[in-house]
Amino acid sequence: MKSRKVNVYVFGAGASVHLEAPVTKDFVYKGFSLYRDAKKHGIYEIKDDRPFRLTAQLIDRLYGTNLEKLINDPLPDNYLTSINYLSSINIEELLSFVDLGRRGGEKWLPFKEFQRALYEFIFTTLEQSTIWKRAGSGADRRRNCYDKLIDYVMPIDEVNCMISFNYDLFLDKAAVINNHRIVGNYHLPFKHIENFPSYEDRLTHGWKEKDIHLLKLHGSLNWGYCPHCKKVSLAFYRRYKSIFKKRCPECKNQLEPILVPPTYFKDFPEPLANVWKVAEDYLKRADRLIIIGYSFPDIDIEAKWLFKRAICKNTNKPSLTIVNPDQNIKEKIVNFFGNFINQNVTWRNNFEEYIDP
């Protein structure tokens, strides 16, 4: 029997740009722009602004700015001009700083408090800026690029693995709302599941051959982790921020979100380690690599090492497709993989062009 081809799709922040998700470099500016619109125009709903105020304090302490003072009254018309400098502050760098300060037991700043505030800042910004939208027009006007990828582009009879570095749920939803009746397997040992009947069905009756492997290496907005009993919970269709209000059904301790910062040395919950192992296994067997909106940032050295060691062990010389408008990023990725890939590389400028070439 002929073995099935293995396709590995890799998603970074650029994959969700067509749905107005903020890219990494603009994330902080986008968050405080939403905050301003919520206070001035009531366009967005932000019930608790404490995470924004604490995030502003963190930025002031690390960069010597006066952001907290500005956001106390973000009503003047020149507010957005005044916070333009936020475009130079990287959200992943902030995550890494508070993670390193907390793990190192440093006391000069309340790093644990700042970390929680930063998580909530991320949740709220994503929640408000990525309201579930569908792009396009005509007969497919209700299908965005994630939907179309799974419905029309992905070879359903082959093995399909989706490696995502995004916290948002666009890919997750597309993996459930599709024409093929398939489900995305997170490869996590969930102890409790809410509002996700198709996932519960797979756990009860077994996974199907055509189901995809949905590996979110940096965590997800719909995962909760109990640091006391080490259990993981899944709450698919709940509002993102509800995880901060949930308690572990086992021991009643408060759940924590699973958001892994792209630090040089990662400190993630033990169950997530298996997800990284599964990702490495599929990368070692990949026949095709499709990288959408991911640039292999230098700060995320553990992710780069995962890909490097896996591809070095892959004897298939996988084909490579890069979906990114930046020629320099394309060359960086090709050079990163070296001669372990097929040198006939396909390049597309954006997700839409890849779906509808």
Protein backbone atom coordinates (compact mmCIF):
# COMPACT_ATOMS: atom_id res chain seq x y z
CA MET A 1 0.00 0.00 0.00
CA LYS A 2 1.38 3.37 -1.04
CA SER A 3 2.03 5.69 1.92
CA ARG A 4 0.14 8.97 2.11
CA LYS A 5 2.00 12.19 1.40
CA VAL A 6 2.63 14.42 4.42
CA ASN A 7 1.87 18.15 4.10
CA VAL A 8 3.00 20.51 6.85
CA TYR A 9 1.52 24.01 6.92
CA VAL A 10 3.17 26.60 9.16
CA PHE A 11 1.25 29.73 10.21
CA GLY A 12 2.57 32.98 11.66
CA ALA A 13 0.86 36.26 12.44
CA GLY A 14 0.93 37.27 8.76
CA ALA A 15 -1.57 34.51 7.95
CA SER A 16 -4.35 36.32 9.84
CA VAL A 17 -3.71 39.78 8.38
CA HIS A 18 -6.52 39.36 5.84
CA LEU A 19 -8.88 39.13 8.82
CA GLU A 20 -7.45 42.31 10.37
CA ALA A 21 -5.49 40.55 13.08
CA PRO A 22 -2.56 42.73 14.20
CA VAL A 23 0.89 41.59 13.18
CA THR A 24 3.55 41.28 15.87
CA LYS A 25 5.28 44.59 15.22
CA ASP A 26 2.00 46.57 15.35
CA PHE A 27 0.30 44.67 18.17
CA VAL A 28 0.97 47.13 21.01
CA TYR A 29 -0.05 50.16 18.95
CA LYS A 30 -3.18 48.36 17.77
CA GLY A 31 -4.16 47.47 21.33
CA PHE A 32 -3.96 51.03 22.63
CA SER A 33 -5.68 52.35 19.50
CA LEU A 34 -8.60 50.02 20.29
CA TYR A 35 -8.51 51.24 23.87
CA ARG A 36 -8.82 54.82 22.69
CA ASP A 37 -11.74 53.97 20.37
CA ALA A 38 -13.48 52.14 23.21
CA LYS A 39 -13.24 55.15 25.53
CA LYS A 40 -13.90 57.89 23.01
CA HIS A 41 -16.36 56.37 20.58
CA GLY A 42 -17.69 53.24 22.31
CA ILE A 43 -16.81 51.23 19.18
CA TYR A 44 -15.29 48.41 21.21
CA GLU A 45 -16.31 46.93 24.53
CA ILE A 46 -13.58 46.97 27.16
CA LYS A 47 -15.15 46.33 30.56
CA ASP A 48 -11.92 46.19 32.53
CA ASP A 49 -9.16 48.63 31.61
CA ARG A 50 -6.77 47.55 34.37
CA PRO A 51 -4.75 45.27 32.04
CA PHE A 52 -4.24 48.24 29.71
CA ARG A 53 -3.14 50.51 32.54
CA LEU A 54 -0.71 47.89 33.89
CA THR A 55 0.67 47.22 30.41
CA ALA A 56 1.19 50.97 30.04
CA GLN A 57 3.04 50.99 33.38
CA LEU A 58 5.25 48.12 32.20
CA ILE A 59 6.13 49.96 28.99
CA ASP A 60 6.87 53.15 30.94
CA ARG A 61 9.19 51.30 33.30
CA LEU A 62 11.03 49.49 30.51
CA TYR A 63 11.21 52.27 27.91
CA GLY A 64 10.99 55.50 29.95
CA THR A 65 7.78 56.62 28.24
CA ASN A 66 4.68 58.36 29.63
CA LEU A 67 2.05 56.02 28.20
CA GLU A 68 0.09 55.56 31.45
CA LYS A 69 -0.47 59.31 31.65
CA LEU A 70 -1.61 59.43 28.03
CA ILE A 71 -4.15 56.63 28.32
CA ASN A 72 -5.76 58.11 31.42
CA ASP A 73 -7.43 60.55 29.04
CA PRO A 74 -7.10 59.18 25.50
CA LEU A 75 -9.69 61.61 24.14
CA PRO A 76 -7.66 64.32 22.35
CA ASP A 77 -7.51 63.98 18.58
CA ASN A 78 -3.72 63.82 18.68
CA TYR A 79 -3.77 60.72 20.95
CA LEU A 80 -2.85 58.28 18.17
CA THR A 81 -0.07 60.56 16.97
CA SER A 82 1.23 60.76 20.52
CA ILE A 83 1.51 56.98 20.83
CA ASN A 84 3.13 56.40 17.44
CA TYR A 85 6.29 55.32 19.21
CA LEU A 86 4.46 52.14 20.26
CA SER A 87 5.02 50.79 16.75
CA SER A 88 8.64 50.23 17.72
CA ILE A 89 7.72 48.17 20.81
CA ASN A 90 7.39 44.46 20.03
CA ILE A 91 4.72 42.48 21.91
CA GLU A 92 6.84 39.31 21.78
CA GLU A 93 9.75 41.19 23.31
CA LEU A 94 7.50 42.41 26.14
CA LEU A 95 6.28 38.85 26.73
CA SER A 96 9.86 37.64 26.82
CA PHE A 97 10.98 40.33 29.26
CA VAL A 98 8.24 39.63 31.83
CA ASP A 99 8.71 35.88 31.42
CA LEU A 100 12.44 36.16 32.10
CA GLY A 101 11.91 38.52 35.04
CA ARG A 102 9.29 36.24 36.61
CA ARG A 103 11.28 33.05 36.13
CA GLY A 104 14.40 34.70 37.47
CA GLY A 105 12.60 35.75 40.66
CA GLU A 106 13.50 39.41 40.08
CA LYS A 107 11.80 41.82 42.49
CA TRP A 108 12.48 45.26 41.01
CA LEU A 109 9.17 45.02 39.13
CA PRO A 110 6.02 42.98 39.93
CA PHE A 111 6.64 40.68 36.98
CA LYS A 112 3.92 38.14 37.79
CA GLU A 113 1.29 40.90 37.94
CA PHE A 114 2.59 42.46 34.74
CA GLN A 115 2.58 39.07 33.01
CA ARG A 116 -1.08 38.46 33.80
CA ALA A 117 -1.97 41.99 32.68
CA LEU A 118 -0.08 41.48 29.42
CA TYR A 119 -1.94 38.22 28.79
CA GLU A 120 -5.27 39.99 29.28
CA PHE A 121 -4.10 42.85 27.07
CA ILE A 122 -3.37 40.29 24.33
CA PHE A 123 -6.69 38.50 24.81
CA THR A 124 -8.71 41.71 24.66
CA THR A 125 -6.85 43.12 21.66
CA LEU A 126 -7.33 39.89 19.71
CA GLU A 127 -10.94 39.58 20.80
CA GLN A 128 -11.82 43.09 19.67
CA SER A 129 -9.76 43.19 16.48
CA THR A 130 -10.45 39.68 15.18
CA ILE A 131 -14.20 39.37 15.47
CA TRP A 132 -15.01 36.29 13.42
CA LYS A 133 -15.11 37.60 9.87
CA ARG A 134 -15.43 35.96 6.54
CA ALA A 135 -13.70 37.48 3.56
CA GLY A 136 -14.36 37.42 -0.17
CA SER A 137 -17.39 37.92 -2.37
CA GLY A 138 -19.74 36.01 -4.63
CA ALA A 139 -20.61 32.40 -3.89
CA ASP A 140 -17.72 32.15 -1.43
CA ARG A 141 -18.33 35.42 0.36
CA ARG A 142 -18.74 33.53 3.63
CA ARG A 143 -15.37 31.79 3.37
CA ASN A 144 -12.07 33.29 4.52
CA CYS A 145 -8.63 31.98 3.57
CA TYR A 146 -8.45 29.49 6.44
CA ASP A 147 -11.84 28.08 5.42
CA LYS A 148 -10.88 27.85 1.77
CA LEU A 149 -7.55 26.23 2.57
CA ILE A 150 -9.22 23.35 4.38
CA ASP A 151 -12.25 23.07 2.10
CA TYR A 152 -10.68 23.45 -1.34
CA VAL A 153 -6.85 23.51 -1.28
CA MET A 154 -5.66 21.02 1.33
CA PRO A 155 -5.37 17.49 -0.17
CA ILE A 156 -7.92 15.74 2.00
CA ASP A 157 -6.66 12.21 1.17
CA GLU A 158 -3.15 13.02 2.37
CA VAL A 159 -1.76 13.61 5.88
CA ASN A 160 -2.18 17.27 6.83
CA CYS A 161 -0.43 18.86 9.78
CA MET A 162 -1.00 22.50 10.74
CA ILE A 163 1.71 24.07 12.90
CA SER A 164 0.60 27.46 14.20
CA PHE A 165 2.41 30.09 16.23
CA ASN A 166 -0.78 32.16 16.54
CA TYR A 167 -3.01 32.42 19.60
CA ASP A 168 -6.14 33.34 17.60
CA LEU A 169 -8.86 30.85 16.70
CA PHE A 170 -9.38 31.39 12.97
CA LEU A 171 -7.63 28.18 11.99
CA ASP A 172 -9.29 26.29 14.85
CA LYS A 173 -12.76 27.28 13.68
CA ALA A 174 -11.98 26.48 10.07
CA ALA A 175 -10.85 23.04 11.20
CA VAL A 176 -14.35 22.37 12.56
CA ILE A 177 -16.61 24.33 10.20
CA ASN A 178 -15.66 22.62 6.94
CA ASN A 179 -17.12 20.56 4.12
CA HIS A 180 -15.22 17.39 4.95
CA ARG A 181 -16.56 16.72 8.47
CA ILE A 182 -13.04 16.63 9.84
CA VAL A 183 -11.74 17.85 13.21
CA GLY A 184 -8.38 19.29 14.25
CA ASN A 185 -6.47 17.17 16.76
CA TYR A 186 -4.59 19.38 19.25
CA HIS A 187 -2.66 16.39 20.65
CA LEU A 188 -3.26 17.61 24.20
CA PRO A 189 -4.65 15.48 27.07
CA PHE A 190 -7.67 17.63 27.87
CA LYS A 191 -9.26 16.73 31.19
CA HIS A 192 -12.32 18.94 30.71
CA ILE A 193 -14.01 20.10 27.50
CA GLU A 194 -16.76 22.70 27.17
CA ASN A 195 -18.92 23.48 24.15
CA PHE A 196 -16.91 21.35 21.73
CA PRO A 197 -19.04 18.26 20.96
CA SER A 198 -17.12 17.20 17.84
CA TYR A 199 -13.86 17.05 19.81
CA GLU A 200 -15.52 15.04 22.58
CA ASP A 201 -16.91 12.68 19.94
CA ARG A 202 -13.41 12.01 18.57
CA LEU A 203 -12.05 11.30 22.04
CA THR A 204 -14.87 8.83 22.61
CA HIS A 205 -15.00 7.11 19.22
CA GLY A 206 -11.50 7.66 17.87
CA TRP A 207 -9.84 10.00 15.38
CA LYS A 208 -10.46 9.59 11.66
CA GLU A 209 -7.76 9.17 9.05
CA LYS A 210 -8.68 12.44 7.33
CA ASP A 211 -8.63 14.56 10.50
CA ILE A 212 -5.90 17.17 10.58
CA HIS A 213 -3.20 17.60 13.21
CA LEU A 214 -3.58 21.10 14.68
CA LEU A 215 -0.42 21.90 16.62
CA LYS A 216 -0.36 25.32 18.31
CA LEU A 217 3.18 25.53 19.63
CA HIS A 218 2.75 28.83 21.46
CA GLY A 219 -0.61 28.04 23.03
CA SER A 220 -4.15 29.11 22.25
CA LEU A 221 -6.84 31.44 23.51
CA ASN A 222 -9.18 28.54 24.21
CA TRP A 223 -6.83 26.51 26.43
CA GLY A 224 -6.69 26.71 30.21
CA TYR A 225 -4.07 25.14 32.46
CA CYS A 226 -4.21 24.35 36.17
CA PRO A 227 -0.69 24.77 37.61
CA HIS A 228 -1.75 22.85 40.73
CA CYS A 229 -3.08 19.57 39.30
CA LYS A 230 -1.42 19.97 35.87
CA LYS A 231 -4.67 19.45 33.95
CA VAL A 232 -5.58 21.14 30.67
CA SER A 233 -9.07 22.39 29.81
CA LEU A 234 -10.59 23.18 26.42
CA ALA A 235 -13.38 25.73 26.02
CA PHE A 236 -13.84 26.27 22.33
CA TYR A 237 -16.65 28.75 21.77
CA ARG A 238 -16.39 30.73 24.98
CA ARG A 239 -15.28 34.34 24.96
CA TYR A 240 -11.51 34.53 25.05
CA LYS A 241 -11.25 36.29 28.40
CA SER A 242 -13.50 33.81 30.20
CA ILE A 243 -10.41 31.71 30.90
CA PHE A 244 -9.38 34.28 33.52
CA LYS A 245 -12.64 33.66 35.40
CA LYS A 246 -12.62 29.87 35.27
CA ARG A 247 -11.50 27.52 38.02
CA CYS A 248 -10.21 24.00 37.70
CA PRO A 249 -13.11 21.52 38.09
CA GLU A 250 -10.73 19.19 39.94
CA CYS A 251 -9.03 21.33 42.58
CA LYS A 252 -10.86 24.69 42.21
CA ASN A 253 -7.64 26.62 41.63
CA GLN A 254 -7.80 29.38 39.05
CA LEU A 255 -6.93 28.34 35.51
CA GLU A 256 -4.15 30.10 33.66
CA PRO A 257 -3.99 30.75 29.92
CA ILE A 258 -1.43 28.90 27.86
CA LEU A 259 0.44 31.63 25.99
CA VAL A 260 4.07 30.81 25.36
CA PRO A 261 6.33 33.81 24.75
CA PRO A 262 9.00 33.42 22.05
CA THR A 263 11.87 33.57 24.52
CA TYR A 264 15.24 31.98 23.86
CA PHE A 265 14.49 29.27 26.43
CA LYS A 266 10.84 28.35 26.73
CA ASP A 267 9.07 27.54 29.98
CA PHE A 268 5.75 25.99 28.98
CA PRO A 269 3.33 23.63 30.75
CA GLU A 270 4.42 20.00 30.59
CA PRO A 271 1.46 18.82 28.42
CA LEU A 272 2.55 21.22 25.66
CA ALA A 273 5.89 19.42 25.35
CA ASN A 274 4.10 16.56 23.58
CA VAL A 275 2.72 18.97 20.98
CA TRP A 276 6.28 20.02 20.12
CA LYS A 277 7.30 16.35 19.82
CA VAL A 278 4.41 15.63 17.46
CA ALA A 279 5.34 18.69 15.38
CA GLU A 280 8.91 17.44 15.07
CA ASP A 281 7.69 14.02 13.98
CA TYR A 282 5.63 15.45 11.11
CA LEU A 283 8.41 17.81 10.05
CA LYS A 284 10.77 14.84 9.82
CA ARG A 285 8.29 13.09 7.49
CA ALA A 286 7.09 16.11 5.49
CA ASP A 287 6.89 15.87 1.71
CA ARG A 288 5.67 19.44 1.38
CA LEU A 289 6.23 22.53 3.54
CA ILE A 290 3.92 25.51 3.17
CA ILE A 291 4.93 28.50 5.32
CA ILE A 292 2.27 31.21 5.56
CA GLY A 293 3.05 34.53 7.24
CA TYR A 294 5.84 33.17 9.45
CA SER A 295 9.36 34.61 9.31
CA PHE A 296 11.37 32.44 11.75
CA PRO A 297 12.19 35.34 14.12
CA ASP A 298 15.66 35.22 15.64
CA ILE A 299 14.35 35.63 19.19
CA ASP A 300 12.42 32.34 18.90
CA ILE A 301 15.54 30.19 18.81
CA GLU A 302 13.84 27.06 20.19
CA ALA A 303 11.29 27.10 17.37
CA LYS A 304 14.07 27.56 14.83
CA TRP A 305 15.97 24.66 16.38
CA LEU A 306 12.87 22.46 16.22
CA PHE A 307 12.62 23.05 12.46
CA LYS A 308 16.36 22.80 11.89
CA ARG A 309 16.88 19.43 13.58
CA ALA A 310 13.69 17.97 12.08
CA ILE A 311 14.48 18.99 8.51
CA CYS A 312 18.06 17.74 8.86
CA LYS A 313 16.58 14.30 9.64
CA ASN A 314 14.07 14.44 6.78
CA THR A 315 15.27 12.35 3.82
CA ASN A 316 12.40 13.39 1.52
CA LYS A 317 13.84 16.75 0.38
CA PRO A 318 10.41 18.37 0.86
CA SER A 319 9.12 20.97 -1.54
CA LEU A 320 8.79 24.46 -0.09
CA THR A 321 6.13 27.12 -0.61
CA ILE A 322 6.61 30.51 1.04
CA VAL A 323 3.64 32.85 1.43
CA ASN A 324 5.07 36.24 2.35
CA PRO A 325 5.32 39.58 0.52
CA ASP A 326 8.87 40.27 1.74
CA GLN A 327 11.62 39.09 -0.63
CA ASN A 328 14.18 39.30 2.19
CA ILE A 329 12.08 36.96 4.36
CA LYS A 330 11.80 34.54 1.45
CA GLU A 331 15.58 34.44 1.05
CA LYS A 332 16.05 34.12 4.81
CA ILE A 333 13.78 31.05 4.94
CA VAL A 334 15.38 29.40 1.90
CA ASN A 335 18.84 29.93 3.39
CA PHE A 336 17.65 28.61 6.76
CA PHE A 337 16.61 25.26 5.27
CA GLY A 338 19.67 25.06 3.02
CA ASN A 339 20.05 21.99 0.81
CA PHE A 340 17.66 19.87 2.86
CA ILE A 341 14.73 21.07 0.73
CA ASN A 342 13.87 20.95 -2.95
CA GLN A 343 15.43 24.12 -4.37
CA ASN A 344 12.53 24.73 -6.74
CA VAL A 345 10.76 27.02 -4.24
CA THR A 346 7.26 28.37 -4.86
CA TRP A 347 6.56 31.91 -3.67
CA ARG A 348 3.22 33.68 -3.12
CA ASN A 349 2.79 37.23 -1.84
CA ASN A 350 -0.14 36.62 0.51
CA PHE A 351 -2.65 34.07 1.76
CA GLU A 352 -5.28 35.15 -0.79
CA GLU A 353 -2.85 34.60 -3.67
CA TYR A 354 -1.96 31.15 -2.35
CA ILE A 355 -5.64 30.14 -2.10
CA ASP A 356 -6.62 31.64 -5.47
CA PRO A 357 -3.43 31.73 -7.60
